[in-house]
Amino acid sequence: MTLGDRVLGVLASEARETFLLALGHRLGIEARQNFLGEDASDALPRARACNEMMIVIWSQLWAGRGAGDEGYPDRDFLTALSHRAQAGDAREQLAQAVRSALLAVTAEAP
């Protein structure tokens, strides 16, 4: 099962909102990591891309709550994030955030 298939499965489940919250949080952490230990001018495009992706995530969350924001169809959600990640060379940040958010909603409780 691909990462995209796993995300689609979670988006179609009761864990949808928790996943979106975790994804936004993890992406924020990834954005902050861009500025640790490297020249800020090199990190700025990735941080901007992370910010754009977080806006997509929060809009998706609000749309699911009927708050008036327009989200993406689930099948287009990862594509929208991927386009923003590519624009700022933040593909690895997105992948790490997605993997971490999936763990947050699929890990079995101890």
PDB file of N, CA and C in Angstrom:
ATOM      1  N   MET A   1       0.855  -1.174   0.000  1.00  0.00           N
ATOM      2  CA  MET A   1       0.000   0.000   0.000  1.00  0.00           C
ATOM      3  C   MET A   1       0.902   1.238   0.000  1.00  0.00           C
ATOM      4  N   THR A   2       0.621   2.164  -0.908  1.00  0.00           N
ATOM      5  CA  THR A   2       1.430   3.374  -1.004  1.00  0.00           C
ATOM      6  C   THR A   2       1.069   4.357   0.109  1.00  0.00           C
ATOM      7  N   LEU A   3       1.935   5.337   0.281  1.00  0.00           N
ATOM      8  CA  LEU A   3       1.679   6.384   1.268  1.00  0.00           C
ATOM      9  C   LEU A   3       0.375   7.108   0.926  1.00  0.00           C
ATOM     10  N   GLY A   4       0.172   7.388  -0.359  1.00  0.00           N
ATOM     11  CA  GLY A   4      -1.055   8.049  -0.791  1.00  0.00           C
ATOM     12  C   GLY A   4      -2.299   7.233  -0.488  1.00  0.00           C
ATOM     13  N   ASP A   5      -2.215   5.922  -0.703  1.00  0.00           N
ATOM     14  CA  ASP A   5      -3.346   5.044  -0.382  1.00  0.00           C
ATOM     15  C   ASP A   5      -3.648   5.066   1.111  1.00  0.00           C
ATOM     16  N   ARG A   6      -2.592   5.079   1.910  1.00  0.00           N
ATOM     17  CA  ARG A   6      -2.789   5.122   3.360  1.00  0.00           C
ATOM     18  C   ARG A   6      -3.462   6.425   3.776  1.00  0.00           C
ATOM     19  N   VAL A   7      -3.040   7.537   3.171  1.00  0.00           N
ATOM     20  CA  VAL A   7      -3.650   8.831   3.494  1.00  0.00           C
ATOM     21  C   VAL A   7      -5.118   8.829   3.088  1.00  0.00           C
ATOM     22  N   LEU A   8      -5.425   8.345   1.887  1.00  0.00           N
ATOM     23  CA  LEU A   8      -6.828   8.286   1.452  1.00  0.00           C
ATOM     24  C   LEU A   8      -7.670   7.450   2.404  1.00  0.00           C
ATOM     25  N   GLY A   9      -7.111   6.349   2.878  1.00  0.00           N
ATOM     26  CA  GLY A   9      -7.831   5.517   3.836  1.00  0.00           C
ATOM     27  C   GLY A   9      -8.132   6.247   5.129  1.00  0.00           C
ATOM     28  N   VAL A  10      -7.162   6.992   5.622  1.00  0.00           N
ATOM     29  CA  VAL A  10      -7.367   7.744   6.867  1.00  0.00           C
ATOM     30  C   VAL A  10      -8.357   8.885   6.649  1.00  0.00           C
ATOM     31  N   LEU A  11      -8.267   9.558   5.498  1.00  0.00           N
ATOM     32  CA  LEU A  11      -9.200  10.650   5.223  1.00  0.00           C
ATOM     33  C   LEU A  11     -10.641  10.158   5.127  1.00  0.00           C
ATOM     34  N   ALA A  12     -10.829   8.908   4.775  1.00  0.00           N
ATOM     35  CA  ALA A  12     -12.174   8.331   4.678  1.00  0.00           C
ATOM     36  C   ALA A  12     -12.625   7.686   5.984  1.00  0.00           C
ATOM     37  N   SER A  13     -11.839   7.853   7.032  1.00  0.00           N
ATOM     38  CA  SER A  13     -12.144   7.195   8.306  1.00  0.00           C
ATOM     39  C   SER A  13     -12.533   8.215   9.376  1.00  0.00           C
ATOM     40  N   GLU A  14     -12.849   7.685  10.548  1.00  0.00           N
ATOM     41  CA  GLU A  14     -13.163   8.548  11.693  1.00  0.00           C
ATOM     42  C   GLU A  14     -11.931   9.283  12.204  1.00  0.00           C
ATOM     43  N   ALA A  15     -10.749   8.880  11.768  1.00  0.00           N
ATOM     44  CA  ALA A  15      -9.502   9.511  12.205  1.00  0.00           C
ATOM     45  C   ALA A  15      -9.138  10.731  11.357  1.00  0.00           C
ATOM     46  N   ARG A  16     -10.000  11.107  10.420  1.00  0.00           N
ATOM     47  CA  ARG A  16      -9.710  12.196   9.487  1.00  0.00           C
ATOM     48  C   ARG A  16      -9.269  13.480  10.201  1.00  0.00           C
ATOM     49  N   GLU A  17     -10.077  13.957  11.112  1.00  0.00           N
ATOM     50  CA  GLU A  17      -9.775  15.229  11.766  1.00  0.00           C
ATOM     51  C   GLU A  17      -8.487  15.140  12.580  1.00  0.00           C
ATOM     52  N   THR A  18      -8.297  14.061  13.287  1.00  0.00           N
ATOM     53  CA  THR A  18      -7.071  13.884  14.069  1.00  0.00           C
ATOM     54  C   THR A  18      -5.859  13.855  13.152  1.00  0.00           C
ATOM     55  N   PHE A  19      -5.982  13.178  12.012  1.00  0.00           N
ATOM     56  CA  PHE A  19      -4.888  13.131  11.044  1.00  0.00           C
ATOM     57  C   PHE A  19      -4.551  14.530  10.537  1.00  0.00           C
ATOM     58  N   LEU A  20      -5.560  15.305  10.149  1.00  0.00           N
ATOM     59  CA  LEU A  20      -5.308  16.653   9.636  1.00  0.00           C
ATOM     60  C   LEU A  20      -4.668  17.536  10.696  1.00  0.00           C
ATOM     61  N   LEU A  21      -5.135  17.430  11.935  1.00  0.00           N
ATOM     62  CA  LEU A  21      -4.516  18.190  13.023  1.00  0.00           C
ATOM     63  C   LEU A  21      -3.058  17.780  13.213  1.00  0.00           C
ATOM     64  N   ALA A  22      -2.806  16.484  13.224  1.00  0.00           N
ATOM     65  CA  ALA A  22      -1.435  15.987  13.394  1.00  0.00           C
ATOM     66  C   ALA A  22      -0.563  16.404  12.219  1.00  0.00           C
ATOM     67  N   LEU A  23      -1.101  16.350  11.013  1.00  0.00           N
ATOM     68  CA  LEU A  23      -0.331  16.727   9.828  1.00  0.00           C
ATOM     69  C   LEU A  23       0.069  18.200   9.876  1.00  0.00           C
ATOM     70  N   GLY A  24      -0.867  19.063  10.235  1.00  0.00           N
ATOM     71  CA  GLY A  24      -0.541  20.486  10.357  1.00  0.00           C
ATOM     72  C   GLY A  24       0.511  20.735  11.418  1.00  0.00           C
ATOM     73  N   HIS A  25       0.369  20.070  12.544  1.00  0.00           N
ATOM     74  CA  HIS A  25       1.335  20.216  13.633  1.00  0.00           C
ATOM     75  C   HIS A  25       2.717  19.733  13.207  1.00  0.00           C
ATOM     76  N   ARG A  26       2.777  18.539  12.609  1.00  0.00           N
ATOM     77  CA  ARG A  26       4.068  17.968  12.198  1.00  0.00           C
ATOM     78  C   ARG A  26       4.728  18.809  11.112  1.00  0.00           C
ATOM     79  N   LEU A  27       3.926  19.371  10.209  1.00  0.00           N
ATOM     80  CA  LEU A  27       4.492  20.219   9.164  1.00  0.00           C
ATOM     81  C   LEU A  27       5.037  21.517   9.753  1.00  0.00           C
ATOM     82  N   GLY A  28       4.379  22.039  10.778  1.00  0.00           N
ATOM     83  CA  GLY A  28       4.906  23.213  11.478  1.00  0.00           C
ATOM     84  C   GLY A  28       6.256  22.930  12.111  1.00  0.00           C
ATOM     85  N   ILE A  29       6.402  21.759  12.684  1.00  0.00           N
ATOM     86  CA  ILE A  29       7.687  21.360  13.268  1.00  0.00           C
ATOM     87  C   ILE A  29       8.735  21.238  12.173  1.00  0.00           C
ATOM     88  N   GLU A  30       8.367  20.633  11.046  1.00  0.00           N
ATOM     89  CA  GLU A  30       9.303  20.512   9.922  1.00  0.00           C
ATOM     90  C   GLU A  30       9.722  21.892   9.423  1.00  0.00           C
ATOM     91  N   ALA A  31       8.800  22.840   9.364  1.00  0.00           N
ATOM     92  CA  ALA A  31       9.128  24.197   8.917  1.00  0.00           C
ATOM     93  C   ALA A  31      10.137  24.841   9.857  1.00  0.00           C
ATOM     94  N   ARG A  32       9.940  24.664  11.135  1.00  0.00           N
ATOM     95  CA  ARG A  32      10.875  25.230  12.112  1.00  0.00           C
ATOM     96  C   ARG A  32      12.259  24.610  11.966  1.00  0.00           C
ATOM     97  N   GLN A  33      12.317  23.317  11.696  1.00  0.00           N
ATOM     98  CA  GLN A  33      13.598  22.629  11.548  1.00  0.00           C
ATOM     99  C   GLN A  33      14.417  23.198  10.386  1.00  0.00           C
ATOM    100  N   ASN A  34      13.748  23.817   9.417  1.00  0.00           N
ATOM    101  CA  ASN A  34      14.464  24.409   8.284  1.00  0.00           C
ATOM    102  C   ASN A  34      15.468  25.457   8.719  1.00  0.00           C
ATOM    103  N   PHE A  35      15.218  26.098   9.837  1.00  0.00           N
ATOM    104  CA  PHE A  35      16.063  27.207  10.257  1.00  0.00           C
ATOM    105  C   PHE A  35      17.127  26.811  11.267  1.00  0.00           C
ATOM    106  N   LEU A  36      17.179  25.553  11.635  1.00  0.00           N
ATOM    107  CA  LEU A  36      18.168  25.098  12.603  1.00  0.00           C
ATOM    108  C   LEU A  36      19.410  24.607  11.876  1.00  0.00           C
ATOM    109  N   GLY A  37      20.518  25.302  12.063  1.00  0.00           N
ATOM    110  CA  GLY A  37      21.794  24.835  11.553  1.00  0.00           C
ATOM    111  C   GLY A  37      22.065  25.099  10.089  1.00  0.00           C
ATOM    112  N   GLU A  38      21.322  25.969   9.449  1.00  0.00           N
ATOM    113  CA  GLU A  38      21.651  26.293   8.071  1.00  0.00           C
ATOM    114  C   GLU A  38      21.348  27.756   7.797  1.00  0.00           C
ATOM    115  N   ASP A  39      21.885  28.234   6.694  1.00  0.00           N
ATOM    116  CA  ASP A  39      21.686  29.611   6.279  1.00  0.00           C
ATOM    117  C   ASP A  39      20.194  29.859   6.046  1.00  0.00           C
ATOM    118  N   ALA A  40      19.671  30.878   6.700  1.00  0.00           N
ATOM    119  CA  ALA A  40      18.234  31.157   6.612  1.00  0.00           C
ATOM    120  C   ALA A  40      17.792  31.433   5.178  1.00  0.00           C
ATOM    121  N   SER A  41      18.660  32.014   4.348  1.00  0.00           N
ATOM    122  CA  SER A  41      18.265  32.293   2.969  1.00  0.00           C
ATOM    123  C   SER A  41      18.027  31.005   2.191  1.00  0.00           C
ATOM    124  N   ASP A  42      18.739  29.932   2.524  1.00  0.00           N
ATOM    125  CA  ASP A  42      18.510  28.637   1.880  1.00  0.00           C
ATOM    126  C   ASP A  42      17.228  27.991   2.388  1.00  0.00           C
ATOM    127  N   ALA A  43      16.876  28.274   3.622  1.00  0.00           N
ATOM    128  CA  ALA A  43      15.718  27.636   4.245  1.00  0.00           C
ATOM    129  C   ALA A  43      14.408  28.342   3.917  1.00  0.00           C
ATOM    130  N   LEU A  44      14.477  29.599   3.535  1.00  0.00           N
ATOM    131  CA  LEU A  44      13.260  30.385   3.346  1.00  0.00           C
ATOM    132  C   LEU A  44      12.285  29.783   2.327  1.00  0.00           C
ATOM    133  N   PRO A  45      12.719  29.322   1.157  1.00  0.00           N
ATOM    134  CA  PRO A  45      11.747  28.729   0.223  1.00  0.00           C
ATOM    135  C   PRO A  45      11.038  27.501   0.799  1.00  0.00           C
ATOM    136  N   ARG A  46      11.762  26.679   1.552  1.00  0.00           N
ATOM    137  CA  ARG A  46      11.126  25.506   2.165  1.00  0.00           C
ATOM    138  C   ARG A  46      10.138  25.929   3.239  1.00  0.00           C
ATOM    139  N   ALA A  47      10.504  26.916   4.034  1.00  0.00           N
ATOM    140  CA  ALA A  47       9.591  27.391   5.072  1.00  0.00           C
ATOM    141  C   ALA A  47       8.329  27.986   4.449  1.00  0.00           C
ATOM    142  N   ARG A  48       8.485  28.724   3.364  1.00  0.00           N
ATOM    143  CA  ARG A  48       7.312  29.271   2.672  1.00  0.00           C
ATOM    144  C   ARG A  48       6.419  28.151   2.142  1.00  0.00           C
ATOM    145  N   ALA A  49       7.053  27.133   1.564  1.00  0.00           N
ATOM    146  CA  ALA A  49       6.278  25.999   1.047  1.00  0.00           C
ATOM    147  C   ALA A  49       5.525  25.310   2.180  1.00  0.00           C
ATOM    148  N   CYS A  50       6.185  25.139   3.320  1.00  0.00           N
ATOM    149  CA  CYS A  50       5.516  24.529   4.479  1.00  0.00           C
ATOM    150  C   CYS A  50       4.334  25.378   4.918  1.00  0.00           C
ATOM    151  N   ASN A  51       4.498  26.694   4.911  1.00  0.00           N
ATOM    152  CA  ASN A  51       3.406  27.588   5.274  1.00  0.00           C
ATOM    153  C   ASN A  51       2.235  27.431   4.304  1.00  0.00           C
ATOM    154  N   GLU A  52       2.524  27.387   3.008  1.00  0.00           N
ATOM    155  CA  GLU A  52       1.462  27.206   2.014  1.00  0.00           C
ATOM    156  C   GLU A  52       0.750  25.869   2.205  1.00  0.00           C
ATOM    157  N   MET A  53       1.522  24.827   2.518  1.00  0.00           N
ATOM    158  CA  MET A  53       0.905  23.518   2.757  1.00  0.00           C
ATOM    159  C   MET A  53       0.033  23.544   4.003  1.00  0.00           C
ATOM    160  N   MET A  54       0.473  24.249   5.040  1.00  0.00           N
ATOM    161  CA  MET A  54      -0.334  24.326   6.260  1.00  0.00           C
ATOM    162  C   MET A  54      -1.658  25.033   5.996  1.00  0.00           C
ATOM    163  N   ILE A  55      -1.653  26.037   5.133  1.00  0.00           N
ATOM    164  CA  ILE A  55      -2.901  26.716   4.778  1.00  0.00           C
ATOM    165  C   ILE A  55      -3.859  25.734   4.108  1.00  0.00           C
ATOM    166  N   VAL A  56      -3.331  24.890   3.219  1.00  0.00           N
ATOM    167  CA  VAL A  56      -4.163  23.867   2.569  1.00  0.00           C
ATOM    168  C   VAL A  56      -4.736  22.911   3.615  1.00  0.00           C
ATOM    169  N   ILE A  57      -3.894  22.489   4.551  1.00  0.00           N
ATOM    170  CA  ILE A  57      -4.335  21.549   5.595  1.00  0.00           C
ATOM    171  C   ILE A  57      -5.426  22.171   6.453  1.00  0.00           C
ATOM    172  N   TRP A  58      -5.205  23.409   6.914  1.00  0.00           N
ATOM    173  CA  TRP A  58      -6.207  24.051   7.777  1.00  0.00           C
ATOM    174  C   TRP A  58      -7.505  24.287   7.016  1.00  0.00           C
ATOM    175  N   SER A  59      -7.413  24.647   5.725  1.00  0.00           N
ATOM    176  CA  SER A  59      -8.630  24.812   4.919  1.00  0.00           C
ATOM    177  C   SER A  59      -9.378  23.493   4.791  1.00  0.00           C
ATOM    178  N   GLN A  60      -8.635  22.401   4.635  1.00  0.00           N
ATOM    179  CA  GLN A  60      -9.252  21.072   4.547  1.00  0.00           C
ATOM    180  C   GLN A  60      -9.974  20.733   5.851  1.00  0.00           C
ATOM    181  N   LEU A  61      -9.339  21.068   6.951  1.00  0.00           N
ATOM    182  CA  LEU A  61      -9.941  20.811   8.259  1.00  0.00           C
ATOM    183  C   LEU A  61     -11.204  21.644   8.442  1.00  0.00           C
ATOM    184  N   TRP A  62     -11.131  22.932   8.141  1.00  0.00           N
ATOM    185  CA  TRP A  62     -12.297  23.798   8.292  1.00  0.00           C
ATOM    186  C   TRP A  62     -13.425  23.375   7.363  1.00  0.00           C
ATOM    187  N   ALA A  63     -13.095  22.988   6.135  1.00  0.00           N
ATOM    188  CA  ALA A  63     -14.128  22.538   5.191  1.00  0.00           C
ATOM    189  C   ALA A  63     -14.856  21.318   5.740  1.00  0.00           C
ATOM    190  N   GLY A  64     -14.129  20.434   6.382  1.00  0.00           N
ATOM    191  CA  GLY A  64     -14.743  19.244   6.969  1.00  0.00           C
ATOM    192  C   GLY A  64     -15.674  19.565   8.116  1.00  0.00           C
ATOM    193  N   ARG A  65     -15.469  20.719   8.704  1.00  0.00           N
ATOM    194  CA  ARG A  65     -16.334  21.151   9.812  1.00  0.00           C
ATOM    195  C   ARG A  65     -17.473  22.038   9.326  1.00  0.00           C
ATOM    196  N   GLY A  66     -17.544  22.252   8.020  1.00  0.00           N
ATOM    197  CA  GLY A  66     -18.600  23.088   7.462  1.00  0.00           C
ATOM    198  C   GLY A  66     -18.429  24.549   7.793  1.00  0.00           C
ATOM    199  N   ALA A  67     -17.181  24.990   7.935  1.00  0.00           N
ATOM    200  CA  ALA A  67     -16.909  26.361   8.359  1.00  0.00           C
ATOM    201  C   ALA A  67     -16.808  27.340   7.197  1.00  0.00           C
ATOM    202  N   GLY A  68     -17.157  26.916   5.995  1.00  0.00           N
ATOM    203  CA  GLY A  68     -17.177  27.839   4.871  1.00  0.00           C
ATOM    204  C   GLY A  68     -15.941  27.789   3.989  1.00  0.00           C
ATOM    205  N   ASP A  69     -14.803  27.324   4.498  1.00  0.00           N
ATOM    206  CA  ASP A  69     -13.619  27.193   3.658  1.00  0.00           C
ATOM    207  C   ASP A  69     -13.834  26.061   2.668  1.00  0.00           C
ATOM    208  N   GLU A  70     -13.252  26.230   1.485  1.00  0.00           N
ATOM    209  CA  GLU A  70     -13.338  25.170   0.488  1.00  0.00           C
ATOM    210  C   GLU A  70     -12.122  24.277   0.614  1.00  0.00           C
ATOM    211  N   GLY A  71     -12.355  23.018   0.737  1.00  0.00           N
ATOM    212  CA  GLY A  71     -11.264  22.060   0.757  1.00  0.00           C
ATOM    213  C   GLY A  71     -11.118  21.415  -0.611  1.00  0.00           C
ATOM    214  N   TYR A  72     -10.283  20.427  -0.663  1.00  0.00           N
ATOM    215  CA  TYR A  72     -10.072  19.650  -1.879  1.00  0.00           C
ATOM    216  C   TYR A  72     -10.794  18.318  -1.744  1.00  0.00           C
ATOM    217  N   PRO A  73     -11.216  17.742  -2.870  1.00  0.00           N
ATOM    218  CA  PRO A  73     -11.663  16.350  -2.782  1.00  0.00           C
ATOM    219  C   PRO A  73     -10.499  15.524  -2.224  1.00  0.00           C
ATOM    220  N   ASP A  74     -10.804  14.518  -1.455  1.00  0.00           N
ATOM    221  CA  ASP A  74      -9.740  13.737  -0.814  1.00  0.00           C
ATOM    222  C   ASP A  74      -8.691  13.261  -1.810  1.00  0.00           C
ATOM    223  N   ARG A  75      -9.111  12.838  -2.995  1.00  0.00           N
ATOM    224  CA  ARG A  75      -8.166  12.307  -3.979  1.00  0.00           C
ATOM    225  C   ARG A  75      -7.211  13.388  -4.499  1.00  0.00           C
ATOM    226  N   ASP A  76      -7.564  14.671  -4.344  1.00  0.00           N
ATOM    227  CA  ASP A  76      -6.724  15.773  -4.823  1.00  0.00           C
ATOM    228  C   ASP A  76      -5.925  16.446  -3.710  1.00  0.00           C
ATOM    229  N   PHE A  77      -6.205  16.087  -2.474  1.00  0.00           N
ATOM    230  CA  PHE A  77      -5.582  16.749  -1.325  1.00  0.00           C
ATOM    231  C   PHE A  77      -4.060  16.589  -1.328  1.00  0.00           C
ATOM    232  N   LEU A  78      -3.575  15.366  -1.468  1.00  0.00           N
ATOM    233  CA  LEU A  78      -2.118  15.155  -1.477  1.00  0.00           C
ATOM    234  C   LEU A  78      -1.459  15.797  -2.683  1.00  0.00           C
ATOM    235  N   THR A  79      -2.142  15.825  -3.808  1.00  0.00           N
ATOM    236  CA  THR A  79      -1.596  16.484  -4.999  1.00  0.00           C
ATOM    237  C   THR A  79      -1.417  17.972  -4.741  1.00  0.00           C
ATOM    238  N   ALA A  80      -2.402  18.587  -4.107  1.00  0.00           N
ATOM    239  CA  ALA A  80      -2.301  20.013  -3.776  1.00  0.00           C
ATOM    240  C   ALA A  80      -1.115  20.269  -2.852  1.00  0.00           C
ATOM    241  N   LEU A  81      -0.938  19.400  -1.863  1.00  0.00           N
ATOM    242  CA  LEU A  81       0.209  19.545  -0.963  1.00  0.00           C
ATOM    243  C   LEU A  81       1.518  19.323  -1.714  1.00  0.00           C
ATOM    244  N   SER A  82       1.546  18.317  -2.570  1.00  0.00           N
ATOM    245  CA  SER A  82       2.772  17.989  -3.311  1.00  0.00           C
ATOM    246  C   SER A  82       3.207  19.129  -4.219  1.00  0.00           C
ATOM    247  N   HIS A  83       2.267  19.779  -4.884  1.00  0.00           N
ATOM    248  CA  HIS A  83       2.615  20.906  -5.755  1.00  0.00           C
ATOM    249  C   HIS A  83       3.264  22.030  -4.958  1.00  0.00           C
ATOM    250  N   ARG A  84       2.750  22.302  -3.789  1.00  0.00           N
ATOM    251  CA  ARG A  84       3.340  23.347  -2.953  1.00  0.00           C
ATOM    252  C   ARG A  84       4.705  22.923  -2.430  1.00  0.00           C
ATOM    253  N   ALA A  85       4.838  21.662  -2.095  1.00  0.00           N
ATOM    254  CA  ALA A  85       6.131  21.154  -1.617  1.00  0.00           C
ATOM    255  C   ALA A  85       7.184  21.258  -2.714  1.00  0.00           C
ATOM    256  N   GLN A  86       6.824  20.895  -3.936  1.00  0.00           N
ATOM    257  CA  GLN A  86       7.772  20.966  -5.046  1.00  0.00           C
ATOM    258  C   GLN A  86       8.199  22.394  -5.319  1.00  0.00           C
ATOM    259  N   ALA A  87       7.281  23.329  -5.196  1.00  0.00           N
ATOM    260  CA  ALA A  87       7.595  24.730  -5.471  1.00  0.00           C
ATOM    261  C   ALA A  87       8.677  25.268  -4.541  1.00  0.00           C
ATOM    262  N   GLY A  88       8.777  24.730  -3.334  1.00  0.00           N
ATOM    263  CA  GLY A  88       9.765  25.223  -2.376  1.00  0.00           C
ATOM    264  C   GLY A  88      10.806  24.198  -1.990  1.00  0.00           C
ATOM    265  N   ASP A  89      10.928  23.133  -2.763  1.00  0.00           N
ATOM    266  CA  ASP A  89      11.883  22.059  -2.468  1.00  0.00           C
ATOM    267  C   ASP A  89      11.670  21.520  -1.053  1.00  0.00           C
ATOM    268  N   ALA A  90      10.405  21.298  -0.710  1.00  0.00           N
ATOM    269  CA  ALA A  90      10.056  20.825   0.636  1.00  0.00           C
ATOM    270  C   ALA A  90       9.394  19.450   0.590  1.00  0.00           C
ATOM    271  N   ARG A  91       9.743  18.661  -0.406  1.00  0.00           N
ATOM    272  CA  ARG A  91       9.139  17.330  -0.532  1.00  0.00           C
ATOM    273  C   ARG A  91       9.467  16.441   0.665  1.00  0.00           C
ATOM    274  N   GLU A  92      10.711  16.511   1.135  1.00  0.00           N
ATOM    275  CA  GLU A  92      11.093  15.671   2.277  1.00  0.00           C
ATOM    276  C   GLU A  92      10.352  16.101   3.543  1.00  0.00           C
ATOM    277  N   GLN A  93      10.162  17.396   3.725  1.00  0.00           N
ATOM    278  CA  GLN A  93       9.420  17.887   4.889  1.00  0.00           C
ATOM    279  C   GLN A  93       7.983  17.380   4.852  1.00  0.00           C
ATOM    280  N   LEU A  94       7.367  17.406   3.669  1.00  0.00           N
ATOM    281  CA  LEU A  94       5.999  16.902   3.539  1.00  0.00           C
ATOM    282  C   LEU A  94       5.946  15.405   3.816  1.00  0.00           C
ATOM    283  N   ALA A  95       6.867  14.665   3.235  1.00  0.00           N
ATOM    284  CA  ALA A  95       6.868  13.211   3.433  1.00  0.00           C
ATOM    285  C   ALA A  95       7.036  12.853   4.905  1.00  0.00           C
ATOM    286  N   GLN A  96       7.935  13.543   5.581  1.00  0.00           N
ATOM    287  CA  GLN A  96       8.158  13.266   7.003  1.00  0.00           C
ATOM    288  C   GLN A  96       6.914  13.607   7.826  1.00  0.00           C
ATOM    289  N   ALA A  97       6.286  14.735   7.521  1.00  0.00           N
ATOM    290  CA  ALA A  97       5.080  15.131   8.251  1.00  0.00           C
ATOM    291  C   ALA A  97       3.942  14.134   8.015  1.00  0.00           C
ATOM    292  N   VAL A  98       3.787  13.674   6.782  1.00  0.00           N
ATOM    293  CA  VAL A  98       2.727  12.703   6.475  1.00  0.00           C
ATOM    294  C   VAL A  98       2.977  11.398   7.214  1.00  0.00           C
ATOM    295  N   ARG A  99       4.215  10.903   7.158  1.00  0.00           N
ATOM    296  CA  ARG A  99       4.526   9.644   7.855  1.00  0.00           C
ATOM    297  C   ARG A  99       4.261   9.771   9.353  1.00  0.00           C
ATOM    298  N   SER A 100       4.665  10.894   9.933  1.00  0.00           N
ATOM    299  CA  SER A 100       4.478  11.104  11.366  1.00  0.00           C
ATOM    300  C   SER A 100       2.994  11.210  11.727  1.00  0.00           C
ATOM    301  N   ALA A 101       2.224  11.919  10.905  1.00  0.00           N
ATOM    302  CA  ALA A 101       0.784  12.056  11.169  1.00  0.00           C
ATOM    303  C   ALA A 101       0.076  10.710  11.025  1.00  0.00           C
ATOM    304  N   LEU A 102       0.494   9.906  10.058  1.00  0.00           N
ATOM    305  CA  LEU A 102      -0.089   8.569   9.918  1.00  0.00           C
ATOM    306  C   LEU A 102       0.199   7.723  11.147  1.00  0.00           C
ATOM    307  N   LEU A 103       1.412   7.817  11.654  1.00  0.00           N
ATOM    308  CA  LEU A 103       1.746   7.082  12.880  1.00  0.00           C
ATOM    309  C   LEU A 103       0.875   7.525  14.047  1.00  0.00           C
ATOM    310  N   ALA A 104       0.578   8.821  14.097  1.00  0.00           N
ATOM    311  CA  ALA A 104      -0.221   9.356  15.202  1.00  0.00           C
ATOM    312  C   ALA A 104      -1.629   8.774  15.226  1.00  0.00           C
ATOM    313  N   VAL A 105      -2.158   8.427  14.061  1.00  0.00           N
ATOM    314  CA  VAL A 105      -3.538   7.928  14.023  1.00  0.00           C
ATOM    315  C   VAL A 105      -3.636   6.421  13.823  1.00  0.00           C
ATOM    316  N   THR A 106      -2.536   5.770  13.497  1.00  0.00           N
ATOM    317  CA  THR A 106      -2.608   4.330  13.256  1.00  0.00           C
ATOM    318  C   THR A 106      -1.847   3.510  14.284  1.00  0.00           C
ATOM    319  N   ALA A 107      -1.032   4.168  15.091  1.00  0.00           N
ATOM    320  CA  ALA A 107      -0.275   3.429  16.109  1.00  0.00           C
ATOM    321  C   ALA A 107      -1.238   2.879  17.154  1.00  0.00           C
ATOM    322  N   GLU A 108      -1.012   1.668  17.532  1.00  0.00           N
ATOM    323  CA  GLU A 108      -1.867   1.061  18.549  1.00  0.00           C
ATOM    324  C   GLU A 108      -1.519   1.612  19.923  1.00  0.00           C
ATOM    325  N   ALA A 109      -2.536   1.829  20.706  1.00  0.00           N
ATOM    326  CA  ALA A 109      -2.322   2.333  22.066  1.00  0.00           C
ATOM    327  C   ALA A 109      -1.589   1.281  22.886  1.00  0.00           C
ATOM    328  N   PRO A 110      -0.671   1.726  23.778  1.00  0.00           N
ATOM    329  CA  PRO A 110       0.073   0.765  24.608  1.00  0.00           C
ATOM    330  C   PRO A 110      -0.819   0.060  25.608  1.00  0.00           C
TER     331      PRO A 110
END
